[in-house]
């Protein structure tokens, strides 16, 4: 995963707005998707590997420093469908921790 320091402050702002209930889940996901599209355009959209298969790079959010895999937009969307579900609570706590510790980062793979 390659860190995208230019996009990380924008993602922090979006997640902060979500936690403060200034934007809803759909707005959060939509803006993250726009960010992903911009990153794909900046990277040349798609690349080919040695087997000539198309590889589409995707945005991943590293919530906190120890998070090595990150979370995709789709995973965020699914986990936040029901805010009373334990997965949503865990994700929201992780986001709050990542924001408080200034560790939330945008990556692109």
N, C-alpha and C. Protein backbone atom coordinates (compact mmCIF):
# COMPACT_ATOMS: atom_id res chain seq x y z
N UNK A 1 0.86 -1.18 0.00
CA UNK A 1 0.00 0.00 0.00
C UNK A 1 0.90 1.23 0.00
N UNK A 2 0.57 2.16 -0.88
CA UNK A 2 1.34 3.40 -0.89
C UNK A 2 0.54 4.51 -0.20
N UNK A 3 1.20 5.16 0.73
CA UNK A 3 0.59 6.24 1.50
C UNK A 3 0.32 7.43 0.57
N UNK A 4 -0.82 8.05 0.73
CA UNK A 4 -1.21 9.22 -0.05
C UNK A 4 -1.37 10.41 0.89
N UNK A 5 -0.25 11.07 1.26
CA UNK A 5 -0.32 12.13 2.27
C UNK A 5 -1.18 13.32 1.86
N UNK A 6 -1.33 13.56 0.56
CA UNK A 6 -2.16 14.67 0.09
C UNK A 6 -3.64 14.43 0.39
N UNK A 7 -4.05 13.17 0.36
CA UNK A 7 -5.47 12.84 0.56
C UNK A 7 -5.83 12.55 2.01
N UNK A 8 -4.85 12.25 2.85
CA UNK A 8 -5.14 11.89 4.24
C UNK A 8 -5.86 13.00 5.01
N UNK A 9 -5.47 14.28 4.89
CA UNK A 9 -6.22 15.32 5.62
C UNK A 9 -7.68 15.42 5.18
N UNK A 10 -7.94 15.20 3.89
CA UNK A 10 -9.33 15.23 3.41
C UNK A 10 -10.14 14.09 4.02
N UNK A 11 -9.52 12.91 4.10
CA UNK A 11 -10.21 11.75 4.69
C UNK A 11 -10.45 11.99 6.18
N UNK A 12 -9.46 12.55 6.88
CA UNK A 12 -9.64 12.85 8.30
C UNK A 12 -10.82 13.80 8.51
N UNK A 13 -10.90 14.81 7.64
CA UNK A 13 -12.00 15.76 7.74
C UNK A 13 -13.35 15.07 7.51
N UNK A 14 -13.42 14.21 6.50
CA UNK A 14 -14.67 13.49 6.21
C UNK A 14 -15.09 12.61 7.38
N UNK A 15 -14.14 11.85 7.92
CA UNK A 15 -14.47 10.97 9.04
C UNK A 15 -14.84 11.78 10.28
N UNK A 16 -14.19 12.90 10.50
CA UNK A 16 -14.56 13.77 11.61
C UNK A 16 -15.98 14.31 11.46
N UNK A 17 -16.32 14.71 10.23
CA UNK A 17 -17.68 15.18 9.98
C UNK A 17 -18.70 14.08 10.19
N UNK A 18 -18.34 12.86 9.80
CA UNK A 18 -19.24 11.73 10.00
C UNK A 18 -19.45 11.47 11.50
N UNK A 19 -18.36 11.42 12.25
CA UNK A 19 -18.49 11.17 13.70
C UNK A 19 -19.26 12.28 14.40
N UNK A 20 -19.12 13.52 13.90
CA UNK A 20 -19.86 14.65 14.47
C UNK A 20 -21.28 14.76 13.92
N UNK A 21 -21.67 13.81 13.10
CA UNK A 21 -23.00 13.73 12.48
C UNK A 21 -23.31 14.94 11.59
N UNK A 22 -22.27 15.51 10.99
CA UNK A 22 -22.45 16.59 10.03
C UNK A 22 -22.76 16.04 8.64
N UNK A 23 -22.30 14.82 8.38
CA UNK A 23 -22.63 14.13 7.12
C UNK A 23 -23.08 12.72 7.48
N UNK A 24 -23.87 12.11 6.58
CA UNK A 24 -24.34 10.75 6.83
C UNK A 24 -23.42 9.73 6.14
N UNK A 25 -23.73 8.48 6.34
CA UNK A 25 -22.92 7.39 5.79
C UNK A 25 -22.83 7.47 4.27
N UNK A 26 -23.95 7.72 3.60
CA UNK A 26 -23.94 7.77 2.14
C UNK A 26 -23.06 8.90 1.62
N UNK A 27 -23.07 10.03 2.28
CA UNK A 27 -22.22 11.15 1.88
C UNK A 27 -20.76 10.80 2.10
N UNK A 28 -20.45 10.19 3.24
CA UNK A 28 -19.09 9.75 3.53
C UNK A 28 -18.60 8.80 2.44
N UNK A 29 -19.38 7.79 2.14
CA UNK A 29 -18.99 6.78 1.15
C UNK A 29 -18.85 7.43 -0.23
N UNK A 30 -19.78 8.29 -0.59
CA UNK A 30 -19.73 8.96 -1.89
C UNK A 30 -18.47 9.80 -2.05
N UNK A 31 -18.10 10.52 -1.03
CA UNK A 31 -16.89 11.36 -1.10
C UNK A 31 -15.63 10.52 -1.11
N UNK A 32 -15.63 9.41 -0.39
CA UNK A 32 -14.49 8.49 -0.45
C UNK A 32 -14.37 7.87 -1.84
N UNK A 33 -15.49 7.56 -2.46
CA UNK A 33 -15.47 7.02 -3.83
C UNK A 33 -14.93 8.05 -4.81
N UNK A 34 -15.31 9.32 -4.63
CA UNK A 34 -14.77 10.39 -5.49
C UNK A 34 -13.25 10.48 -5.32
N UNK A 35 -12.78 10.36 -4.08
CA UNK A 35 -11.35 10.40 -3.80
C UNK A 35 -10.65 9.23 -4.51
N UNK A 36 -11.27 8.06 -4.44
CA UNK A 36 -10.70 6.88 -5.09
C UNK A 36 -10.62 7.08 -6.60
N UNK A 37 -11.67 7.63 -7.19
CA UNK A 37 -11.66 7.89 -8.63
C UNK A 37 -10.56 8.86 -9.01
N UNK A 38 -10.34 9.87 -8.19
CA UNK A 38 -9.28 10.83 -8.46
C UNK A 38 -7.91 10.16 -8.37
N UNK A 39 -7.73 9.32 -7.38
CA UNK A 39 -6.46 8.59 -7.24
C UNK A 39 -6.24 7.66 -8.43
N UNK A 40 -7.30 7.00 -8.89
CA UNK A 40 -7.18 6.12 -10.06
C UNK A 40 -6.81 6.93 -11.29
N UNK A 41 -7.41 8.10 -11.45
CA UNK A 41 -7.08 8.96 -12.60
C UNK A 41 -5.64 9.43 -12.51
N UNK A 42 -5.20 9.80 -11.32
CA UNK A 42 -3.83 10.25 -11.13
C UNK A 42 -2.83 9.14 -11.44
N UNK A 43 -3.21 7.89 -11.15
CA UNK A 43 -2.31 6.75 -11.34
C UNK A 43 -2.39 6.19 -12.76
N UNK A 44 -3.22 6.75 -13.61
CA UNK A 44 -3.36 6.20 -14.95
C UNK A 44 -4.44 5.15 -15.03
N UNK A 45 -5.40 5.20 -14.11
CA UNK A 45 -6.57 4.33 -14.05
C UNK A 45 -6.23 2.88 -13.77
N UNK A 46 -5.60 2.21 -14.69
CA UNK A 46 -5.35 0.78 -14.53
C UNK A 46 -3.94 0.48 -15.01
N UNK A 47 -3.37 -0.55 -14.49
CA UNK A 47 -2.07 -1.01 -14.96
C UNK A 47 -2.17 -2.50 -15.26
N UNK A 48 -1.16 -3.01 -15.95
CA UNK A 48 -1.16 -4.43 -16.28
C UNK A 48 -0.03 -5.11 -15.53
N UNK A 49 -0.28 -6.35 -15.10
CA UNK A 49 0.79 -7.10 -14.47
C UNK A 49 1.49 -7.96 -15.52
N UNK A 50 2.36 -8.84 -15.10
CA UNK A 50 3.14 -9.66 -16.02
C UNK A 50 2.27 -10.59 -16.86
N UNK A 51 1.10 -10.95 -16.38
CA UNK A 51 0.22 -11.85 -17.10
C UNK A 51 -0.80 -11.11 -17.95
N UNK A 52 -0.59 -9.82 -18.17
CA UNK A 52 -1.48 -8.97 -18.97
C UNK A 52 -2.89 -8.88 -18.40
N UNK A 53 -3.04 -9.09 -17.10
CA UNK A 53 -4.34 -8.93 -16.46
C UNK A 53 -4.45 -7.49 -15.99
N UNK A 54 -5.63 -6.91 -16.16
CA UNK A 54 -5.85 -5.55 -15.69
C UNK A 54 -5.97 -5.54 -14.18
N UNK A 55 -5.29 -4.59 -13.57
CA UNK A 55 -5.34 -4.43 -12.11
C UNK A 55 -5.88 -3.04 -11.83
N UNK A 56 -6.97 -2.97 -11.11
CA UNK A 56 -7.54 -1.69 -10.72
C UNK A 56 -7.10 -1.41 -9.30
N UNK A 57 -6.44 -0.28 -9.10
CA UNK A 57 -6.01 0.07 -7.75
C UNK A 57 -7.17 0.65 -6.98
N UNK A 58 -7.16 0.42 -5.67
CA UNK A 58 -8.26 0.87 -4.83
C UNK A 58 -7.74 1.65 -3.62
N UNK A 59 -8.60 2.49 -3.11
CA UNK A 59 -8.32 3.28 -1.92
C UNK A 59 -8.52 2.39 -0.70
N UNK A 60 -7.61 2.51 0.24
CA UNK A 60 -7.74 1.83 1.53
C UNK A 60 -7.43 2.84 2.61
N UNK A 61 -8.19 2.78 3.68
CA UNK A 61 -8.00 3.68 4.81
C UNK A 61 -7.32 2.91 5.93
N UNK A 62 -6.15 3.39 6.32
CA UNK A 62 -5.48 2.82 7.49
C UNK A 62 -6.00 3.62 8.68
N UNK A 63 -6.79 2.99 9.51
CA UNK A 63 -7.48 3.68 10.60
C UNK A 63 -6.52 4.13 11.69
N UNK A 64 -5.58 3.27 12.06
CA UNK A 64 -4.61 3.60 13.11
C UNK A 64 -3.29 2.95 12.78
N UNK A 65 -2.25 3.33 13.48
CA UNK A 65 -0.88 2.93 13.16
C UNK A 65 -0.65 1.43 13.02
N UNK A 66 -1.26 0.61 13.84
CA UNK A 66 -1.06 -0.83 13.78
C UNK A 66 -1.87 -1.53 12.71
N UNK A 67 -2.68 -0.80 12.00
CA UNK A 67 -3.56 -1.36 10.96
C UNK A 67 -2.75 -1.55 9.68
N UNK A 68 -2.32 -2.77 9.42
CA UNK A 68 -1.46 -3.01 8.25
C UNK A 68 -2.24 -3.24 6.97
N UNK A 69 -3.48 -3.72 7.05
CA UNK A 69 -4.26 -4.02 5.85
C UNK A 69 -5.13 -2.85 5.41
N UNK A 70 -5.57 -2.04 6.33
CA UNK A 70 -6.50 -0.96 5.99
C UNK A 70 -7.89 -1.50 5.75
N UNK A 71 -8.80 -0.61 5.46
CA UNK A 71 -10.19 -0.97 5.22
C UNK A 71 -10.62 -0.31 3.90
N UNK A 72 -11.38 -1.04 3.11
CA UNK A 72 -11.83 -0.52 1.81
C UNK A 72 -13.11 0.30 1.99
N UNK A 73 -13.45 1.03 0.96
CA UNK A 73 -14.70 1.80 0.99
C UNK A 73 -15.89 0.86 1.14
N UNK A 74 -15.87 -0.25 0.45
CA UNK A 74 -16.96 -1.23 0.52
C UNK A 74 -17.10 -1.76 1.95
N UNK A 75 -15.99 -2.05 2.61
CA UNK A 75 -16.03 -2.54 3.99
C UNK A 75 -16.59 -1.47 4.92
N UNK A 76 -16.19 -0.22 4.70
CA UNK A 76 -16.73 0.89 5.50
C UNK A 76 -18.23 0.99 5.31
N UNK A 77 -18.66 0.94 4.06
CA UNK A 77 -20.08 1.04 3.74
C UNK A 77 -20.87 -0.08 4.42
N UNK A 78 -20.37 -1.30 4.33
CA UNK A 78 -21.06 -2.45 4.94
C UNK A 78 -21.09 -2.34 6.47
N UNK A 79 -19.95 -2.02 7.06
CA UNK A 79 -19.88 -1.97 8.52
C UNK A 79 -20.74 -0.87 9.11
N UNK A 80 -20.94 0.22 8.37
CA UNK A 80 -21.70 1.35 8.90
C UNK A 80 -23.18 1.32 8.50
N UNK A 81 -23.64 0.21 7.91
CA UNK A 81 -25.05 0.11 7.53
C UNK A 81 -25.97 0.20 8.73
N UNK A 82 -25.61 -0.47 9.79
CA UNK A 82 -26.41 -0.47 11.02
C UNK A 82 -25.51 0.00 12.15
N UNK A 83 -25.69 1.25 12.56
CA UNK A 83 -24.79 1.84 13.56
C UNK A 83 -24.89 1.19 14.93
N UNK A 84 -25.93 0.38 15.16
CA UNK A 84 -26.03 -0.32 16.44
C UNK A 84 -25.31 -1.67 16.41
N UNK A 85 -24.88 -2.10 15.23
CA UNK A 85 -24.19 -3.39 15.09
C UNK A 85 -22.78 -3.28 15.68
N UNK A 86 -22.30 -4.35 16.30
CA UNK A 86 -20.95 -4.31 16.89
C UNK A 86 -19.84 -3.92 15.91
N UNK A 87 -19.93 -4.36 14.65
CA UNK A 87 -18.91 -3.99 13.66
C UNK A 87 -18.86 -2.47 13.46
N UNK A 88 -20.02 -1.85 13.43
CA UNK A 88 -20.07 -0.39 13.27
C UNK A 88 -19.46 0.29 14.49
N UNK A 89 -19.79 -0.22 15.67
CA UNK A 89 -19.25 0.37 16.90
C UNK A 89 -17.73 0.25 16.96
N UNK A 90 -17.22 -0.91 16.56
CA UNK A 90 -15.77 -1.12 16.54
C UNK A 90 -15.11 -0.18 15.55
N UNK A 91 -15.68 -0.08 14.35
CA UNK A 91 -15.12 0.80 13.33
C UNK A 91 -15.16 2.26 13.78
N UNK A 92 -16.26 2.69 14.35
CA UNK A 92 -16.38 4.08 14.79
C UNK A 92 -15.40 4.40 15.92
N UNK A 93 -15.19 3.46 16.82
CA UNK A 93 -14.19 3.66 17.89
C UNK A 93 -12.79 3.73 17.29
N UNK A 94 -12.51 2.86 16.33
CA UNK A 94 -11.21 2.89 15.66
C UNK A 94 -10.98 4.20 14.93
N UNK A 95 -12.01 4.70 14.25
CA UNK A 95 -11.91 5.98 13.55
C UNK A 95 -11.65 7.10 14.55
N UNK A 96 -12.40 7.10 15.64
CA UNK A 96 -12.21 8.14 16.66
C UNK A 96 -10.79 8.09 17.22
N UNK A 97 -10.28 6.89 17.48
CA UNK A 97 -8.92 6.74 17.98
C UNK A 97 -7.91 7.22 16.94
N UNK A 98 -8.09 6.81 15.69
CA UNK A 98 -7.19 7.22 14.62
C UNK A 98 -7.16 8.72 14.42
N UNK A 99 -8.31 9.35 14.55
CA UNK A 99 -8.37 10.81 14.42
C UNK A 99 -7.71 11.48 15.61
N UNK A 100 -7.99 10.99 16.81
CA UNK A 100 -7.42 11.59 18.02
C UNK A 100 -5.90 11.48 18.03
N UNK A 101 -5.37 10.37 17.52
CA UNK A 101 -3.93 10.14 17.51
C UNK A 101 -3.28 10.62 16.21
N UNK A 102 -4.08 11.18 15.31
CA UNK A 102 -3.60 11.67 14.01
C UNK A 102 -2.90 10.56 13.22
N UNK A 103 -3.50 9.36 13.25
CA UNK A 103 -2.92 8.20 12.57
C UNK A 103 -3.71 7.76 11.34
N UNK A 104 -4.92 8.27 11.15
CA UNK A 104 -5.74 7.86 10.02
C UNK A 104 -5.08 8.32 8.72
N UNK A 105 -4.89 7.39 7.78
CA UNK A 105 -4.19 7.69 6.53
C UNK A 105 -4.89 7.07 5.34
N UNK A 106 -4.76 7.70 4.19
CA UNK A 106 -5.25 7.16 2.93
C UNK A 106 -4.09 6.43 2.25
N UNK A 107 -4.38 5.22 1.81
CA UNK A 107 -3.41 4.44 1.03
C UNK A 107 -4.06 4.01 -0.26
N UNK A 108 -3.24 3.65 -1.23
CA UNK A 108 -3.72 3.27 -2.54
C UNK A 108 -2.94 2.05 -2.99
N UNK A 109 -3.66 0.99 -3.33
CA UNK A 109 -2.98 -0.24 -3.78
C UNK A 109 -3.63 -0.79 -5.01
